[in-house]
Amino acid sequence: MLYIKIISDKIDFHVRGSTHSMTSTAIDWYKANYQYLMTSVNRVYRHLECYISHKQNQTTDPNPNLPPPETPNSAIPFALDILCTQFGLSACDRDILLLCVGMELDPDFPLLCRQTLKR
């Protein structure tokens, strides 16, 4: 079981029976977590752009070797990484999840996905 409890400036992080506490500003963790999520979503977005560009003019690599976003050194892992670990998601599974997140959070994602279907 996993949950994160934030009270004022203290964050309690519980995973599989072990508890880790740290004093930090909860807002900083939320900001860093959100930034990490959006950077990860942007990576999937860039993959789709490369695929579309390749389909249109055949000049770019349809599968660019984009590195995953850098994980800042943090005592508390990001929610996306926790989710992927808890469910044993592969890199492909993670990207599919991020595609779904992108569809919900980025208004440009649906149009981009639609463009991948054009011939």
N, C-alpha and C. Protein backbone atom coordinates (compact mmCIF):
# COMPACT_ATOMS: atom_id res chain seq x y z
N MET A 1 0.83 -1.17 0.00
CA MET A 1 0.00 0.00 0.00
C MET A 1 0.88 1.24 0.00
N LEU A 2 0.43 2.26 -0.70
CA LEU A 2 1.18 3.49 -0.82
C LEU A 2 0.26 4.66 -0.53
N TYR A 3 0.73 5.58 0.26
CA TYR A 3 0.05 6.85 0.35
C TYR A 3 1.01 7.89 0.86
N ILE A 4 0.71 9.13 0.50
CA ILE A 4 1.51 10.26 0.92
C ILE A 4 0.59 11.18 1.70
N LYS A 5 0.98 11.52 2.90
CA LYS A 5 0.18 12.40 3.75
C LYS A 5 0.99 13.67 3.98
N ILE A 6 0.37 14.78 3.67
CA ILE A 6 1.05 16.06 3.84
C ILE A 6 0.29 16.89 4.86
N ILE A 7 0.98 17.24 5.92
CA ILE A 7 0.41 18.08 6.96
C ILE A 7 1.33 19.27 7.14
N SER A 8 0.80 20.45 6.83
CA SER A 8 1.57 21.68 6.96
C SER A 8 2.90 21.56 6.23
N ASP A 9 4.01 21.48 6.97
CA ASP A 9 5.30 21.42 6.31
C ASP A 9 5.96 20.06 6.47
N LYS A 10 5.20 19.04 6.86
CA LYS A 10 5.75 17.70 7.04
C LYS A 10 5.10 16.75 6.05
N ILE A 11 5.92 15.95 5.41
CA ILE A 11 5.42 14.97 4.45
C ILE A 11 5.74 13.59 5.00
N ASP A 12 4.71 12.76 5.14
CA ASP A 12 4.90 11.36 5.52
C ASP A 12 4.64 10.53 4.27
N PHE A 13 5.59 9.68 3.98
CA PHE A 13 5.55 8.85 2.78
C PHE A 13 5.54 7.40 3.24
N HIS A 14 4.46 6.67 2.94
CA HIS A 14 4.31 5.28 3.38
C HIS A 14 4.27 4.37 2.17
N VAL A 15 5.14 3.40 2.18
CA VAL A 15 5.15 2.41 1.10
C VAL A 15 5.48 1.04 1.68
N ARG A 16 4.63 0.09 1.34
CA ARG A 16 4.84 -1.31 1.75
C ARG A 16 5.28 -1.47 3.20
N GLY A 17 4.55 -0.84 4.09
CA GLY A 17 4.81 -1.03 5.51
C GLY A 17 5.92 -0.18 6.09
N SER A 18 6.67 0.53 5.28
CA SER A 18 7.72 1.39 5.84
C SER A 18 7.30 2.85 5.71
N THR A 19 7.67 3.62 6.69
CA THR A 19 7.29 5.02 6.73
C THR A 19 8.54 5.89 6.68
N HIS A 20 8.48 6.89 5.85
CA HIS A 20 9.56 7.86 5.75
C HIS A 20 8.95 9.24 5.97
N SER A 21 9.55 10.01 6.84
CA SER A 21 9.07 11.36 7.08
C SER A 21 10.15 12.35 6.71
N MET A 22 9.73 13.48 6.25
CA MET A 22 10.68 14.55 6.00
C MET A 22 9.98 15.87 6.18
N THR A 23 10.71 16.82 6.63
CA THR A 23 10.14 18.16 6.73
C THR A 23 10.54 18.91 5.47
N SER A 24 9.57 19.36 4.77
CA SER A 24 9.77 20.07 3.53
C SER A 24 8.51 20.86 3.26
N THR A 25 8.60 21.78 2.40
CA THR A 25 7.41 22.51 2.03
C THR A 25 6.63 21.66 1.03
N ALA A 26 5.39 21.36 1.39
CA ALA A 26 4.56 20.51 0.54
C ALA A 26 4.40 21.11 -0.85
N ILE A 27 4.33 22.41 -0.92
CA ILE A 27 4.15 23.07 -2.21
C ILE A 27 5.35 22.79 -3.12
N ASP A 28 6.55 22.77 -2.56
CA ASP A 28 7.73 22.47 -3.37
C ASP A 28 7.65 21.08 -3.97
N TRP A 29 7.18 20.09 -3.17
CA TRP A 29 7.06 18.74 -3.69
C TRP A 29 6.00 18.68 -4.79
N TYR A 30 4.87 19.34 -4.56
CA TYR A 30 3.83 19.35 -5.59
C TYR A 30 4.33 19.99 -6.88
N LYS A 31 5.04 21.09 -6.75
CA LYS A 31 5.57 21.76 -7.94
C LYS A 31 6.56 20.86 -8.68
N ALA A 32 7.48 20.28 -7.95
CA ALA A 32 8.47 19.40 -8.57
C ALA A 32 7.80 18.18 -9.19
N ASN A 33 6.81 17.63 -8.50
CA ASN A 33 6.08 16.46 -8.99
C ASN A 33 5.35 16.80 -10.28
N TYR A 34 4.68 17.96 -10.29
CA TYR A 34 3.94 18.40 -11.47
C TYR A 34 4.90 18.65 -12.63
N GLN A 35 6.02 19.31 -12.35
CA GLN A 35 7.01 19.59 -13.39
C GLN A 35 7.55 18.29 -14.00
N TYR A 36 7.82 17.32 -13.16
CA TYR A 36 8.30 16.02 -13.63
C TYR A 36 7.26 15.34 -14.50
N LEU A 37 6.00 15.39 -14.07
CA LEU A 37 4.92 14.79 -14.85
C LEU A 37 4.80 15.46 -16.21
N MET A 38 4.79 16.79 -16.23
CA MET A 38 4.62 17.50 -17.49
C MET A 38 5.83 17.33 -18.41
N THR A 39 7.02 17.22 -17.85
CA THR A 39 8.21 16.94 -18.66
C THR A 39 8.10 15.56 -19.29
N SER A 40 7.58 14.61 -18.54
CA SER A 40 7.39 13.25 -19.05
C SER A 40 6.33 13.23 -20.15
N VAL A 41 5.25 13.97 -19.95
CA VAL A 41 4.20 14.07 -20.97
C VAL A 41 4.76 14.72 -22.23
N ASN A 42 5.57 15.76 -22.04
CA ASN A 42 6.17 16.46 -23.18
C ASN A 42 7.08 15.53 -23.99
N ARG A 43 7.74 14.61 -23.32
CA ARG A 43 8.58 13.64 -24.02
C ARG A 43 7.74 12.78 -24.96
N VAL A 44 6.57 12.34 -24.52
CA VAL A 44 5.67 11.55 -25.37
C VAL A 44 5.16 12.42 -26.52
N TYR A 45 4.85 13.68 -26.22
CA TYR A 45 4.40 14.63 -27.23
C TYR A 45 5.46 14.77 -28.34
N ARG A 46 6.72 14.89 -27.94
CA ARG A 46 7.81 15.02 -28.92
C ARG A 46 7.95 13.76 -29.76
N HIS A 47 7.73 12.60 -29.17
CA HIS A 47 7.74 11.35 -29.94
C HIS A 47 6.66 11.37 -31.01
N LEU A 48 5.48 11.82 -30.64
CA LEU A 48 4.39 11.90 -31.62
C LEU A 48 4.72 12.90 -32.72
N GLU A 49 5.30 14.04 -32.36
CA GLU A 49 5.68 15.03 -33.38
C GLU A 49 6.70 14.44 -34.36
N CYS A 50 7.66 13.72 -33.85
CA CYS A 50 8.67 13.10 -34.72
C CYS A 50 8.03 12.07 -35.65
N TYR A 51 7.09 11.31 -35.12
CA TYR A 51 6.39 10.31 -35.93
C TYR A 51 5.63 10.99 -37.06
N ILE A 52 4.92 12.07 -36.75
CA ILE A 52 4.15 12.80 -37.76
C ILE A 52 5.08 13.41 -38.80
N SER A 53 6.15 14.00 -38.35
CA SER A 53 7.13 14.60 -39.26
C SER A 53 7.70 13.54 -40.20
N HIS A 54 8.00 12.39 -39.67
CA HIS A 54 8.53 11.29 -40.48
C HIS A 54 7.51 10.84 -41.53
N LYS A 55 6.25 10.75 -41.12
CA LYS A 55 5.21 10.35 -42.07
C LYS A 55 5.05 11.37 -43.19
N GLN A 56 5.20 12.64 -42.86
CA GLN A 56 4.97 13.69 -43.84
C GLN A 56 6.13 13.85 -44.82
N ASN A 57 7.36 13.77 -44.33
CA ASN A 57 8.47 14.04 -45.25
C ASN A 57 9.60 13.02 -45.19
N GLN A 58 9.46 12.02 -44.38
CA GLN A 58 10.42 10.92 -44.31
C GLN A 58 11.85 11.37 -43.99
N THR A 59 12.02 12.53 -43.38
CA THR A 59 13.38 13.01 -43.11
C THR A 59 13.82 12.83 -41.67
N THR A 60 12.89 12.60 -40.79
CA THR A 60 13.27 12.46 -39.39
C THR A 60 13.09 11.03 -38.93
N ASP A 61 13.79 10.69 -37.91
CA ASP A 61 13.68 9.35 -37.33
C ASP A 61 12.33 9.24 -36.62
N PRO A 62 11.49 8.26 -36.98
CA PRO A 62 10.18 8.14 -36.33
C PRO A 62 10.28 7.70 -34.88
N ASN A 63 11.41 7.17 -34.49
CA ASN A 63 11.61 6.72 -33.11
C ASN A 63 12.86 7.39 -32.53
N PRO A 64 12.75 8.67 -32.22
CA PRO A 64 13.92 9.36 -31.69
C PRO A 64 14.32 8.79 -30.34
N ASN A 65 15.58 8.83 -30.07
CA ASN A 65 16.07 8.32 -28.79
C ASN A 65 16.06 9.46 -27.78
N LEU A 66 14.86 9.77 -27.28
CA LEU A 66 14.71 10.84 -26.31
C LEU A 66 14.91 10.26 -24.91
N PRO A 67 15.81 10.83 -24.15
CA PRO A 67 16.04 10.30 -22.81
C PRO A 67 14.86 10.62 -21.89
N PRO A 68 14.64 9.79 -20.89
CA PRO A 68 13.58 10.11 -19.93
C PRO A 68 13.96 11.36 -19.16
N PRO A 69 12.99 12.05 -18.60
CA PRO A 69 13.32 13.25 -17.85
C PRO A 69 14.23 12.93 -16.67
N GLU A 70 15.10 13.87 -16.38
CA GLU A 70 16.01 13.67 -15.25
C GLU A 70 15.22 13.70 -13.96
N THR A 71 15.56 12.81 -13.07
CA THR A 71 14.92 12.77 -11.76
C THR A 71 15.79 13.52 -10.78
N PRO A 72 15.28 14.63 -10.27
CA PRO A 72 16.07 15.35 -9.27
C PRO A 72 16.29 14.48 -8.04
N ASN A 73 17.38 14.71 -7.37
CA ASN A 73 17.66 13.96 -6.15
C ASN A 73 16.66 14.38 -5.08
N SER A 74 15.74 13.51 -4.78
CA SER A 74 14.68 13.83 -3.85
C SER A 74 14.49 12.67 -2.88
N ALA A 75 14.23 13.01 -1.63
CA ALA A 75 13.99 11.97 -0.63
C ALA A 75 12.68 11.25 -0.90
N ILE A 76 11.76 11.95 -1.50
CA ILE A 76 10.45 11.35 -1.81
C ILE A 76 10.35 11.20 -3.33
N PRO A 77 10.12 9.99 -3.81
CA PRO A 77 10.00 9.79 -5.26
C PRO A 77 8.75 10.46 -5.80
N PHE A 78 8.76 10.69 -7.09
CA PHE A 78 7.61 11.31 -7.73
C PHE A 78 6.48 10.31 -7.88
N ALA A 79 5.26 10.82 -7.91
CA ALA A 79 4.07 9.97 -7.98
C ALA A 79 4.09 9.07 -9.21
N LEU A 80 4.53 9.59 -10.34
CA LEU A 80 4.58 8.79 -11.56
C LEU A 80 5.51 7.59 -11.40
N ASP A 81 6.67 7.80 -10.81
CA ASP A 81 7.61 6.70 -10.60
C ASP A 81 7.07 5.68 -9.62
N ILE A 82 6.39 6.16 -8.59
CA ILE A 82 5.78 5.26 -7.61
C ILE A 82 4.72 4.40 -8.28
N LEU A 83 3.88 5.04 -9.08
CA LEU A 83 2.81 4.33 -9.78
C LEU A 83 3.38 3.26 -10.72
N CYS A 84 4.41 3.62 -11.47
CA CYS A 84 5.03 2.68 -12.40
C CYS A 84 5.66 1.50 -11.66
N THR A 85 6.27 1.77 -10.53
CA THR A 85 6.89 0.71 -9.74
C THR A 85 5.83 -0.20 -9.12
N GLN A 86 4.82 0.39 -8.53
CA GLN A 86 3.79 -0.39 -7.85
C GLN A 86 3.03 -1.31 -8.81
N PHE A 87 2.82 -0.86 -10.04
CA PHE A 87 2.08 -1.66 -11.01
C PHE A 87 3.00 -2.41 -11.97
N GLY A 88 4.30 -2.29 -11.79
CA GLY A 88 5.25 -2.99 -12.65
C GLY A 88 5.15 -2.58 -14.10
N LEU A 89 4.97 -1.29 -14.36
CA LEU A 89 4.79 -0.81 -15.72
C LEU A 89 6.12 -0.80 -16.48
N SER A 90 6.07 -1.26 -17.70
CA SER A 90 7.24 -1.21 -18.57
C SER A 90 7.36 0.22 -19.11
N ALA A 91 8.42 0.50 -19.85
CA ALA A 91 8.61 1.82 -20.45
C ALA A 91 7.47 2.12 -21.43
N CYS A 92 7.04 1.11 -22.16
CA CYS A 92 5.92 1.28 -23.09
C CYS A 92 4.62 1.56 -22.33
N ASP A 93 4.38 0.81 -21.27
CA ASP A 93 3.18 1.04 -20.44
C ASP A 93 3.18 2.45 -19.88
N ARG A 94 4.35 2.89 -19.43
CA ARG A 94 4.49 4.24 -18.87
C ARG A 94 4.14 5.29 -19.93
N ASP A 95 4.64 5.09 -21.16
CA ASP A 95 4.35 6.06 -22.21
C ASP A 95 2.87 6.08 -22.58
N ILE A 96 2.22 4.93 -22.54
CA ILE A 96 0.77 4.88 -22.81
C ILE A 96 0.02 5.63 -21.71
N LEU A 97 0.42 5.43 -20.47
CA LEU A 97 -0.17 6.17 -19.36
C LEU A 97 0.03 7.67 -19.55
N LEU A 98 1.24 8.07 -19.94
CA LEU A 98 1.53 9.49 -20.16
C LEU A 98 0.74 10.04 -21.34
N LEU A 99 0.48 9.23 -22.35
CA LEU A 99 -0.36 9.64 -23.46
C LEU A 99 -1.76 9.96 -22.96
N CYS A 100 -2.29 9.12 -22.09
CA CYS A 100 -3.62 9.36 -21.51
C CYS A 100 -3.62 10.62 -20.66
N VAL A 101 -2.57 10.82 -19.88
CA VAL A 101 -2.45 12.03 -19.06
C VAL A 101 -2.40 13.25 -19.97
N GLY A 102 -1.61 13.16 -21.02
CA GLY A 102 -1.50 14.27 -21.96
C GLY A 102 -2.83 14.63 -22.59
N MET A 103 -3.63 13.62 -22.90
CA MET A 103 -4.96 13.86 -23.48
C MET A 103 -5.85 14.66 -22.52
N GLU A 104 -5.65 14.45 -21.23
CA GLU A 104 -6.47 15.14 -20.23
C GLU A 104 -5.93 16.52 -19.87
N LEU A 105 -4.62 16.70 -19.91
CA LEU A 105 -4.03 17.93 -19.40
C LEU A 105 -3.59 18.92 -20.47
N ASP A 106 -3.34 18.45 -21.68
CA ASP A 106 -2.82 19.32 -22.73
C ASP A 106 -3.85 19.41 -23.86
N PRO A 107 -4.38 20.61 -24.11
CA PRO A 107 -5.41 20.74 -25.15
C PRO A 107 -4.90 20.45 -26.56
N ASP A 108 -3.59 20.43 -26.78
CA ASP A 108 -3.04 20.15 -28.11
C ASP A 108 -2.89 18.65 -28.38
N PHE A 109 -2.95 17.84 -27.36
CA PHE A 109 -2.71 16.40 -27.52
C PHE A 109 -3.73 15.72 -28.44
N PRO A 110 -5.03 15.97 -28.28
CA PRO A 110 -5.99 15.28 -29.17
C PRO A 110 -5.74 15.57 -30.65
N LEU A 111 -5.42 16.82 -30.98
CA LEU A 111 -5.14 17.16 -32.37
C LEU A 111 -3.89 16.45 -32.87
N LEU A 112 -2.88 16.41 -32.02
CA LEU A 112 -1.64 15.72 -32.39
C LEU A 112 -1.90 14.23 -32.63
N CYS A 113 -2.68 13.62 -31.76
CA CYS A 113 -3.02 12.19 -31.93
C CYS A 113 -3.81 11.97 -33.21
N ARG A 114 -4.69 12.90 -33.52
CA ARG A 114 -5.47 12.79 -34.75
C ARG A 114 -4.57 12.86 -35.97
N GLN A 115 -3.55 13.70 -35.90
CA GLN A 115 -2.63 13.85 -37.03
C GLN A 115 -1.83 12.56 -37.26
N THR A 116 -1.62 11.77 -36.23
CA THR A 116 -0.88 10.52 -36.42
C THR A 116 -1.67 9.54 -37.29
N LEU A 117 -2.98 9.71 -37.35
CA LEU A 117 -3.83 8.81 -38.12
C LEU A 117 -3.98 9.22 -39.58
N LYS A 118 -3.62 10.45 -39.90
CA LYS A 118 -3.73 10.91 -41.28
C LYS A 118 -2.72 10.20 -42.16
N ARG A 119 -3.12 10.02 -43.39
CA ARG A 119 -2.23 9.32 -44.34
C ARG A 119 -1.49 10.28 -45.19
